[in-house]
PDB file of N, CA and C in Angstrom:
ATOM      1  N   MET A   1      28.397  62.479  81.940  1.00  0.00           N
ATOM      2  CA  MET A   1      28.690  62.572  80.532  1.00  0.00           C
ATOM      3  C   MET A   1      28.402  63.998  80.052  1.00  0.00           C
ATOM      4  N   ASP A   2      29.272  64.505  79.197  1.00  0.00           N
ATOM      5  CA  ASP A   2      29.130  65.867  78.693  1.00  0.00           C
ATOM      6  C   ASP A   2      28.017  65.946  77.657  1.00  0.00           C
ATOM      7  N   PRO A   3      27.330  67.087  77.604  1.00  0.00           N
ATOM      8  CA  PRO A   3      26.283  67.230  76.583  1.00  0.00           C
ATOM      9  C   PRO A   3      26.891  67.373  75.191  1.00  0.00           C
ATOM     10  N   ASP A   4      26.098  67.000  74.200  1.00  0.00           N
ATOM     11  CA  ASP A   4      26.544  67.143  72.812  1.00  0.00           C
ATOM     12  C   ASP A   4      26.568  68.618  72.427  1.00  0.00           C
ATOM     13  N   PRO A   5      27.379  68.967  71.434  1.00  0.00           N
ATOM     14  CA  PRO A   5      27.377  70.356  70.961  1.00  0.00           C
ATOM     15  C   PRO A   5      26.010  70.743  70.404  1.00  0.00           C
ATOM     16  N   THR A   6      25.638  71.984  70.588  1.00  0.00           N
ATOM     17  CA  THR A   6      24.356  72.478  70.089  1.00  0.00           C
ATOM     18  C   THR A   6      24.524  72.981  68.657  1.00  0.00           C
ATOM     19  N   PRO A   7      23.426  73.090  67.915  1.00  0.00           N
ATOM     20  CA  PRO A   7      23.527  73.613  66.539  1.00  0.00           C
ATOM     21  C   PRO A   7      24.054  75.052  66.538  1.00  0.00           C
ATOM     22  N   ILE A   8      24.752  75.385  65.473  1.00  0.00           N
ATOM     23  CA  ILE A   8      25.342  76.712  65.358  1.00  0.00           C
ATOM     24  C   ILE A   8      24.359  77.617  64.629  1.00  0.00           C
ATOM     25  N   GLY A   9      24.019  78.740  65.271  1.00  0.00           N
ATOM     26  CA  GLY A   9      23.100  79.704  64.675  1.00  0.00           C
ATOM     27  C   GLY A   9      23.832  80.752  63.853  1.00  0.00           C
ATOM     28  N   SER A  10      23.062  81.691  63.309  1.00  0.00           N
ATOM     29  CA  SER A  10      23.653  82.716  62.442  1.00  0.00           C
ATOM     30  C   SER A  10      24.570  83.659  63.225  1.00  0.00           C
ATOM     31  N   PHE A  11      24.239  83.937  64.478  1.00  0.00           N
ATOM     32  CA  PHE A  11      25.105  84.802  65.275  1.00  0.00           C
ATOM     33  C   PHE A  11      26.458  84.143  65.515  1.00  0.00           C
ATOM     34  N   GLU A  12      26.439  82.850  65.826  1.00  0.00           N
ATOM     35  CA  GLU A  12      27.699  82.145  66.049  1.00  0.00           C
ATOM     36  C   GLU A  12      28.543  82.097  64.783  1.00  0.00           C
ATOM     37  N   TRP A  13      27.888  81.847  63.627  1.00  0.00           N
ATOM     38  CA  TRP A  13      28.637  81.833  62.369  1.00  0.00           C
ATOM     39  C   TRP A  13      29.250  83.201  62.089  1.00  0.00           C
ATOM     40  N   SER A  14      28.512  84.237  62.408  1.00  0.00           N
ATOM     41  CA  SER A  14      29.038  85.590  62.222  1.00  0.00           C
ATOM     42  C   SER A  14      30.264  85.820  63.102  1.00  0.00           C
ATOM     43  N   GLN A  15      30.194  85.394  64.343  1.00  0.00           N
ATOM     44  CA  GLN A  15      31.328  85.555  65.258  1.00  0.00           C
ATOM     45  C   GLN A  15      32.519  84.692  64.831  1.00  0.00           C
ATOM     46  N   ILE A  16      32.253  83.488  64.341  1.00  0.00           N
ATOM     47  CA  ILE A  16      33.343  82.625  63.860  1.00  0.00           C
ATOM     48  C   ILE A  16      34.011  83.260  62.642  1.00  0.00           C
ATOM     49  N   GLY A  17      33.214  83.827  61.743  1.00  0.00           N
ATOM     50  CA  GLY A  17      33.779  84.528  60.592  1.00  0.00           C
ATOM     51  C   GLY A  17      34.620  85.722  61.011  1.00  0.00           C
ATOM     52  N   HIS A  18      34.148  86.443  62.015  1.00  0.00           N
ATOM     53  CA  HIS A  18      34.903  87.578  62.562  1.00  0.00           C
ATOM     54  C   HIS A  18      36.230  87.098  63.139  1.00  0.00           C
ATOM     55  N   LEU A  19      36.194  86.000  63.857  1.00  0.00           N
ATOM     56  CA  LEU A  19      37.411  85.423  64.433  1.00  0.00           C
ATOM     57  C   LEU A  19      38.393  85.012  63.339  1.00  0.00           C
ATOM     58  N   LEU A  20      37.892  84.389  62.279  1.00  0.00           N
ATOM     59  CA  LEU A  20      38.772  83.962  61.190  1.00  0.00           C
ATOM     60  C   LEU A  20      39.368  85.148  60.436  1.00  0.00           C
ATOM     61  N   HIS A  21      38.589  86.223  60.278  1.00  0.00           N
ATOM     62  CA  HIS A  21      39.153  87.423  59.660  1.00  0.00           C
ATOM     63  C   HIS A  21      40.317  87.959  60.488  1.00  0.00           C
ATOM     64  N   PHE A  22      40.152  88.031  61.786  1.00  0.00           N
ATOM     65  CA  PHE A  22      41.225  88.541  62.630  1.00  0.00           C
ATOM     66  C   PHE A  22      42.407  87.585  62.683  1.00  0.00           C
ATOM     67  N   LEU A  23      42.168  86.301  62.491  1.00  0.00           N
ATOM     68  CA  LEU A  23      43.278  85.356  62.400  1.00  0.00           C
ATOM     69  C   LEU A  23      44.131  85.658  61.168  1.00  0.00           C
ATOM     70  N   TRP A  24      43.481  85.953  60.048  1.00  0.00           N
ATOM     71  CA  TRP A  24      44.230  86.310  58.840  1.00  0.00           C
ATOM     72  C   TRP A  24      44.924  87.658  58.986  1.00  0.00           C
ATOM     73  N   TYR A  25      44.287  88.631  59.655  1.00  0.00           N
ATOM     74  CA  TYR A  25      44.943  89.920  59.910  1.00  0.00           C
ATOM     75  C   TYR A  25      46.187  89.715  60.763  1.00  0.00           C
ATOM     76  N   TYR A  26      46.072  88.857  61.767  1.00  0.00           N
ATOM     77  CA  TYR A  26      47.213  88.569  62.639  1.00  0.00           C
ATOM     78  C   TYR A  26      48.352  87.952  61.831  1.00  0.00           C
ATOM     79  N   PHE A  27      48.029  87.014  60.964  1.00  0.00           N
ATOM     80  CA  PHE A  27      49.040  86.373  60.125  1.00  0.00           C
ATOM     81  C   PHE A  27      49.762  87.405  59.256  1.00  0.00           C
ATOM     82  N   ALA A  28      49.013  88.321  58.640  1.00  0.00           N
ATOM     83  CA  ALA A  28      49.618  89.344  57.785  1.00  0.00           C
ATOM     84  C   ALA A  28      50.504  90.292  58.583  1.00  0.00           C
ATOM     85  N   VAL A  29      50.072  90.670  59.778  1.00  0.00           N
ATOM     86  CA  VAL A  29      50.862  91.588  60.604  1.00  0.00           C
ATOM     87  C   VAL A  29      52.148  90.916  61.069  1.00  0.00           C
ATOM     88  N   VAL A  30      52.087  89.646  61.424  1.00  0.00           N
ATOM     89  CA  VAL A  30      53.294  88.935  61.862  1.00  0.00           C
ATOM     90  C   VAL A  30      54.280  88.783  60.701  1.00  0.00           C
ATOM     91  N   ILE A  31      53.793  88.493  59.504  1.00  0.00           N
ATOM     92  CA  ILE A  31      54.672  88.396  58.333  1.00  0.00           C
ATOM     93  C   ILE A  31      55.315  89.753  58.043  1.00  0.00           C
ATOM     94  N   ALA A  32      54.544  90.833  58.109  1.00  0.00           N
ATOM     95  CA  ALA A  32      55.093  92.172  57.871  1.00  0.00           C
ATOM     96  C   ALA A  32      56.123  92.532  58.936  1.00  0.00           C
ATOM     97  N   PHE A  33      55.848  92.175  60.202  1.00  0.00           N
ATOM     98  CA  PHE A  33      56.820  92.423  61.268  1.00  0.00           C
ATOM     99  C   PHE A  33      58.121  91.684  60.988  1.00  0.00           C
ATOM    100  N   GLY A  34      58.030  90.427  60.619  1.00  0.00           N
ATOM    101  CA  GLY A  34      59.233  89.642  60.335  1.00  0.00           C
ATOM    102  C   GLY A  34      60.028  90.214  59.178  1.00  0.00           C
ATOM    103  N   PHE A  35      59.338  90.651  58.135  1.00  0.00           N
ATOM    104  CA  PHE A  35      60.024  91.231  56.981  1.00  0.00           C
ATOM    105  C   PHE A  35      60.754  92.517  57.367  1.00  0.00           C
ATOM    106  N   MET A  36      60.082  93.395  58.107  1.00  0.00           N
ATOM    107  CA  MET A  36      60.716  94.664  58.489  1.00  0.00           C
ATOM    108  C   MET A  36      61.874  94.448  59.451  1.00  0.00           C
ATOM    109  N   PHE A  37      61.693  93.572  60.422  1.00  0.00           N
ATOM    110  CA  PHE A  37      62.763  93.335  61.387  1.00  0.00           C
ATOM    111  C   PHE A  37      63.961  92.673  60.714  1.00  0.00           C
ATOM    112  N   LEU A  38      63.706  91.720  59.838  1.00  0.00           N
ATOM    113  CA  LEU A  38      64.800  91.062  59.121  1.00  0.00           C
ATOM    114  C   LEU A  38      65.553  92.054  58.238  1.00  0.00           C
ATOM    115  N   THR A  39      64.826  92.923  57.576  1.00  0.00           N
ATOM    116  CA  THR A  39      65.472  93.925  56.730  1.00  0.00           C
ATOM    117  C   THR A  39      66.333  94.869  57.557  1.00  0.00           C
ATOM    118  N   ALA A  40      65.805  95.349  58.677  1.00  0.00           N
ATOM    119  CA  ALA A  40      66.546  96.310  59.496  1.00  0.00           C
ATOM    120  C   ALA A  40      67.693  95.661  60.251  1.00  0.00           C
ATOM    121  N   HIS A  41      67.536  94.427  60.646  1.00  0.00           N
ATOM    122  CA  HIS A  41      68.514  93.798  61.530  1.00  0.00           C
ATOM    123  C   HIS A  41      69.565  92.973  60.793  1.00  0.00           C
ATOM    124  N   ALA A  42      69.260  92.515  59.578  1.00  0.00           N
ATOM    125  CA  ALA A  42      70.200  91.636  58.881  1.00  0.00           C
ATOM    126  C   ALA A  42      70.562  92.116  57.478  1.00  0.00           C
ATOM    127  N   VAL A  43      69.571  92.486  56.689  1.00  0.00           N
ATOM    128  CA  VAL A  43      69.834  92.788  55.285  1.00  0.00           C
ATOM    129  C   VAL A  43      70.609  94.092  55.128  1.00  0.00           C
ATOM    130  N   ILE A  44      70.133  95.156  55.758  1.00  0.00           N
ATOM    131  CA  ILE A  44      70.814  96.450  55.612  1.00  0.00           C
ATOM    132  C   ILE A  44      72.234  96.411  56.172  1.00  0.00           C
ATOM    133  N   PRO A  45      72.487  95.878  57.378  1.00  0.00           N
ATOM    134  CA  PRO A  45      73.881  95.825  57.842  1.00  0.00           C
ATOM    135  C   PRO A  45      74.783  94.977  56.946  1.00  0.00           C
ATOM    136  N   SER A  46      74.239  93.901  56.408  1.00  0.00           N
ATOM    137  CA  SER A  46      75.041  93.065  55.519  1.00  0.00           C
ATOM    138  C   SER A  46      75.398  93.809  54.237  1.00  0.00           C
ATOM    139  N   LEU A  47      74.431  94.496  53.668  1.00  0.00           N
ATOM    140  CA  LEU A  47      74.703  95.256  52.450  1.00  0.00           C
ATOM    141  C   LEU A  47      75.624  96.444  52.716  1.00  0.00           C
ATOM    142  N   LEU A  48      75.530  97.025  53.909  1.00  0.00           N
ATOM    143  CA  LEU A  48      76.438  98.121  54.260  1.00  0.00           C
ATOM    144  C   LEU A  48      77.867  97.625  54.426  1.00  0.00           C
ATOM    145  N   SER A  49      78.028  96.463  55.015  1.00  0.00           N
ATOM    146  CA  SER A  49      79.382  95.950  55.244  1.00  0.00           C
ATOM    147  C   SER A  49      80.078  95.566  53.939  1.00  0.00           C
ATOM    148  N   THR A  50      79.309  95.178  52.940  1.00  0.00           N
ATOM    149  CA  THR A  50      79.907  94.857  51.638  1.00  0.00           C
ATOM    150  C   THR A  50      79.901  96.054  50.697  1.00  0.00           C
ATOM    151  N   ARG A  51      79.417  97.186  51.171  1.00  0.00           N
ATOM    152  CA  ARG A  51      79.343  98.444  50.411  1.00  0.00           C
ATOM    153  C   ARG A  51      78.492  98.313  49.137  1.00  0.00           C
ATOM    154  N   GLU A  52      77.452  97.521  49.224  1.00  0.00           N
ATOM    155  CA  GLU A  52      76.531  97.376  48.096  1.00  0.00           C
ATOM    156  C   GLU A  52      75.521  98.519  48.046  1.00  0.00           C
ATOM    157  N   ILE A  53      75.258  99.132  49.202  1.00  0.00           N
ATOM    158  CA  ILE A  53      74.324 100.257  49.263  1.00  0.00           C
ATOM    159  C   ILE A  53      75.026 101.446  49.897  1.00  0.00           C
ATOM    160  N   SER A  54      74.435 102.591  49.726  1.00  0.00           N
ATOM    161  CA  SER A  54      75.000 103.831  50.257  1.00  0.00           C
ATOM    162  C   SER A  54      74.900 103.846  51.788  1.00  0.00           C
ATOM    163  N   PRO A  55      75.908 104.399  52.474  1.00  0.00           N
ATOM    164  CA  PRO A  55      75.840 104.479  53.941  1.00  0.00           C
ATOM    165  C   PRO A  55      74.688 105.342  54.455  1.00  0.00           C
ATOM    166  N   THR A  56      74.138 106.199  53.631  1.00  0.00           N
ATOM    167  CA  THR A  56      72.999 107.006  54.083  1.00  0.00           C
ATOM    168  C   THR A  56      71.748 106.155  54.282  1.00  0.00           C
ATOM    169  N   LEU A  57      71.689 104.988  53.664  1.00  0.00           N
ATOM    170  CA  LEU A  57      70.540 104.100  53.877  1.00  0.00           C
ATOM    171  C   LEU A  57      70.543 103.481  55.270  1.00  0.00           C
ATOM    172  N   ASN A  58      71.648 103.625  55.984  1.00  0.00           N
ATOM    173  CA  ASN A  58      71.690 103.151  57.365  1.00  0.00           C
ATOM    174  C   ASN A  58      70.693 103.918  58.227  1.00  0.00           C
ATOM    175  N   LEU A  59      70.362 105.143  57.814  1.00  0.00           N
ATOM    176  CA  LEU A  59      69.377 105.933  58.552  1.00  0.00           C
ATOM    177  C   LEU A  59      67.979 105.320  58.456  1.00  0.00           C
ATOM    178  N   ALA A  60      67.726 104.548  57.435  1.00  0.00           N
ATOM    179  CA  ALA A  60      66.415 103.908  57.273  1.00  0.00           C
ATOM    180  C   ALA A  60      66.202 102.791  58.283  1.00  0.00           C
ATOM    181  N   ARG A  61      67.270 102.312  58.874  1.00  0.00           N
ATOM    182  CA  ARG A  61      67.134 101.214  59.841  1.00  0.00           C
ATOM    183  C   ARG A  61      66.278 101.619  61.031  1.00  0.00           C
ATOM    184  N   PHE A  62      66.469 102.849  61.517  1.00  0.00           N
ATOM    185  CA  PHE A  62      65.699 103.288  62.681  1.00  0.00           C
ATOM    186  C   PHE A  62      64.204 103.290  62.380  1.00  0.00           C
ATOM    187  N   SER A  63      63.820 103.825  61.226  1.00  0.00           N
ATOM    188  CA  SER A  63      62.394 103.848  60.888  1.00  0.00           C
ATOM    189  C   SER A  63      61.846 102.432  60.688  1.00  0.00           C
ATOM    190  N   LEU A  64      62.675 101.530  60.170  1.00  0.00           N
ATOM    191  CA  LEU A  64      62.229 100.142  60.031  1.00  0.00           C
ATOM    192  C   LEU A  64      62.056  99.478  61.393  1.00  0.00           C
ATOM    193  N   TYR A  65      62.965  99.779  62.326  1.00  0.00           N
ATOM    194  CA  TYR A  65      62.820  99.242  63.679  1.00  0.00           C
ATOM    195  C   TYR A  65      61.559  99.778  64.354  1.00  0.00           C
ATOM    196  N   VAL A  66      61.301 101.070  64.200  1.00  0.00           N
ATOM    197  CA  VAL A  66      60.105 101.664  64.807  1.00  0.00           C
ATOM    198  C   VAL A  66      58.845 101.056  64.195  1.00  0.00           C
ATOM    199  N   SER A  67      58.846 100.897  62.877  1.00  0.00           N
ATOM    200  CA  SER A  67      57.693 100.278  62.214  1.00  0.00           C
ATOM    201  C   SER A  67      57.512  98.829  62.662  1.00  0.00           C
ATOM    202  N   ALA A  68      58.612  98.110  62.790  1.00  0.00           N
ATOM    203  CA  ALA A  68      58.533  96.719  63.251  1.00  0.00           C
ATOM    204  C   ALA A  68      58.008  96.653  64.677  1.00  0.00           C
ATOM    205  N   PHE A  69      58.441  97.590  65.521  1.00  0.00           N
ATOM    206  CA  PHE A  69      57.939  97.619  66.900  1.00  0.00           C
ATOM    207  C   PHE A  69      56.440  97.895  66.919  1.00  0.00           C
ATOM    208  N   GLY A  70      55.987  98.831  66.080  1.00  0.00           N
ATOM    209  CA  GLY A  70      54.552  99.110  65.988  1.00  0.00           C
ATOM    210  C   GLY A  70      53.763  97.901  65.511  1.00  0.00           C
ATOM    211  N   LEU A  71      54.305  97.185  64.541  1.00  0.00           N
ATOM    212  CA  LEU A  71      53.638  95.970  64.069  1.00  0.00           C
ATOM    213  C   LEU A  71      53.628  94.886  65.140  1.00  0.00           C
ATOM    214  N   PHE A  72      54.698  94.816  65.932  1.00  0.00           N
ATOM    215  CA  PHE A  72      54.741  93.837  67.018  1.00  0.00           C
ATOM    216  C   PHE A  72      53.667  94.136  68.059  1.00  0.00           C
ATOM    217  N   ILE A  73      53.533  95.408  68.431  1.00  0.00           N
ATOM    218  CA  ILE A  73      52.482  95.799  69.380  1.00  0.00           C
ATOM    219  C   ILE A  73      51.105  95.516  68.772  1.00  0.00           C
ATOM    220  N   GLY A  74      50.947  95.813  67.488  1.00  0.00           N
ATOM    221  CA  GLY A  74      49.683  95.508  66.814  1.00  0.00           C
ATOM    222  C   GLY A  74      49.377  94.023  66.809  1.00  0.00           C
ATOM    223  N   ALA A  75      50.401  93.198  66.619  1.00  0.00           N
ATOM    224  CA  ALA A  75      50.201  91.744  66.634  1.00  0.00           C
ATOM    225  C   ALA A  75      49.769  91.272  68.016  1.00  0.00           C
ATOM    226  N   ILE A  76      50.362  91.846  69.051  1.00  0.00           N
ATOM    227  CA  ILE A  76      49.968  91.473  70.414  1.00  0.00           C
ATOM    228  C   ILE A  76      48.516  91.853  70.668  1.00  0.00           C
ATOM    229  N   LEU A  77      48.125  93.057  70.251  1.00  0.00           N
ATOM    230  CA  LEU A  77      46.743  93.492  70.454  1.00  0.00           C
ATOM    231  C   LEU A  77      45.763  92.650  69.637  1.00  0.00           C
ATOM    232  N   LEU A  78      46.118  92.331  68.398  1.00  0.00           N
ATOM    233  CA  LEU A  78      45.256  91.467  67.586  1.00  0.00           C
ATOM    234  C   LEU A  78      45.102  90.085  68.210  1.00  0.00           C
ATOM    235  N   PHE A  79      46.200  89.554  68.735  1.00  0.00           N
ATOM    236  CA  PHE A  79      46.136  88.233  69.355  1.00  0.00           C
ATOM    237  C   PHE A  79      45.248  88.262  70.600  1.00  0.00           C
ATOM    238  N   ALA A  80      45.375  89.314  71.406  1.00  0.00           N
ATOM    239  CA  ALA A  80      44.532  89.425  72.600  1.00  0.00           C
ATOM    240  C   ALA A  80      43.059  89.538  72.213  1.00  0.00           C
ATOM    241  N   TYR A  81      42.763  90.302  71.165  1.00  0.00           N
ATOM    242  CA  TYR A  81      41.381  90.424  70.715  1.00  0.00           C
ATOM    243  C   TYR A  81      40.865  89.097  70.164  1.00  0.00           C
ATOM    244  N   MET A  82      41.724  88.375  69.453  1.00  0.00           N
ATOM    245  CA  MET A  82      41.328  87.061  68.937  1.00  0.00           C
ATOM    246  C   MET A  82      41.007  86.099  70.071  1.00  0.00           C
ATOM    247  N   ILE A  83      41.791  86.133  71.125  1.00  0.00           N
ATOM    248  CA  ILE A  83      41.528  85.261  72.271  1.00  0.00           C
ATOM    249  C   ILE A  83      40.168  85.586  72.875  1.00  0.00           C
ATOM    250  N   SER A  84      39.822  86.871  72.944  1.00  0.00           N
ATOM    251  CA  SER A  84      38.511  87.225  73.489  1.00  0.00           C
ATOM    252  C   SER A  84      37.380  86.777  72.558  1.00  0.00           C
ATOM    253  N   LEU A  85      37.640  86.706  71.256  1.00  0.00           N
ATOM    254  CA  LEU A  85      36.614  86.258  70.313  1.00  0.00           C
ATOM    255  C   LEU A  85      36.371  84.751  70.377  1.00  0.00           C
ATOM    256  N   THR A  86      37.293  83.996  70.944  1.00  0.00           N
ATOM    257  CA  THR A  86      37.105  82.545  71.011  1.00  0.00           C
ATOM    258  C   THR A  86      36.024  82.142  72.009  1.00  0.00           C
ATOM    259  N   SER A  87      35.502  83.092  72.762  1.00  0.00           N
ATOM    260  CA  SER A  87      34.441  82.752  73.711  1.00  0.00           C
ATOM    261  C   SER A  87      33.164  82.309  72.998  1.00  0.00           C
ATOM    262  N   VAL A  88      33.047  82.583  71.698  1.00  0.00           N
ATOM    263  CA  VAL A  88      31.864  82.149  70.957  1.00  0.00           C
ATOM    264  C   VAL A  88      31.793  80.624  70.895  1.00  0.00           C
ATOM    265  N   VAL A  89      32.913  79.950  70.966  1.00  0.00           N
ATOM    266  CA  VAL A  89      32.924  78.486  70.902  1.00  0.00           C
ATOM    267  C   VAL A  89      32.171  77.902  72.095  1.00  0.00           C
ATOM    268  N   GLU A  90      32.249  78.565  73.229  1.00  0.00           N
ATOM    269  CA  GLU A  90      31.566  78.085  74.433  1.00  0.00           C
ATOM    270  C   GLU A  90      30.049  78.070  74.260  1.00  0.00           C
ATOM    271  N   SER A  91      29.521  78.900  73.374  1.00  0.00           N
ATOM    272  CA  SER A  91      28.067  78.958  73.219  1.00  0.00           C
ATOM    273  C   SER A  91      27.489  77.733  72.510  1.00  0.00           C
ATOM    274  N   PHE A  92      28.314  76.988  71.775  1.00  0.00           N
ATOM    275  CA  PHE A  92      27.777  75.799  71.102  1.00  0.00           C
ATOM    276  C   PHE A  92      28.556  74.531  71.414  1.00  0.00           C
ATOM    277  N   HIS A  93      29.752  74.651  71.937  1.00  0.00           N
ATOM    278  CA  HIS A  93      30.552  73.467  72.264  1.00  0.00           C
ATOM    279  C   HIS A  93      30.946  73.557  73.739  1.00  0.00           C
ATOM    280  N   HIS A  94      30.350  72.721  74.560  1.00  0.00           N
ATOM    281  CA  HIS A  94      30.489  72.862  76.005  1.00  0.00           C
ATOM    282  C   HIS A  94      31.646  72.073  76.592  1.00  0.00           C
ATOM    283  N   ARG A  95      32.408  71.412  75.784  1.00  0.00           N
ATOM    284  CA  ARG A  95      33.574  70.665  76.269  1.00  0.00           C
ATOM    285  C   ARG A  95      34.830  71.491  76.036  1.00  0.00           C
ATOM    286  N   TYR A  96      35.723  71.416  76.985  1.00  0.00           N
ATOM    287  CA  TYR A  96      36.981  72.158  76.870  1.00  0.00           C
ATOM    288  C   TYR A  96      38.121  71.195  76.614  1.00  0.00           C
ATOM    289  N   TRP A  97      39.180  71.688  75.998  1.00  0.00           N
ATOM    290  CA  TRP A  97      40.326  70.851  75.677  1.00  0.00           C
ATOM    291  C   TRP A  97      41.285  70.738  76.836  1.00  0.00           C
ATOM    292  N   PHE A  98      41.117  71.531  77.843  1.00  0.00           N
ATOM    293  CA  PHE A  98      42.046  71.495  78.979  1.00  0.00           C
ATOM    294  C   PHE A  98      41.352  71.058  80.228  1.00  0.00           C
TER     295      PHE A  98
END
């Protein structure tokens, strides 16, 4: 039989709070990535094809793609760091889900 979870101390609460902060940072970065990629890949070409915006704004697509790529890399790094922060759960909960 598996042991019961141990009480959570102040260090564990601090680490859990740190993990939750990075979860919210990850959420914000993914939303920003989606907004930039959608704007560069769908909105600007659609507005250009209907001539609603100036053709010179097509140059902004490249910078939006580069920014979206940077946000995507940032999201990957944040996710990897978040995964490493989940090791705090092992210190008080000794059962695994897998």
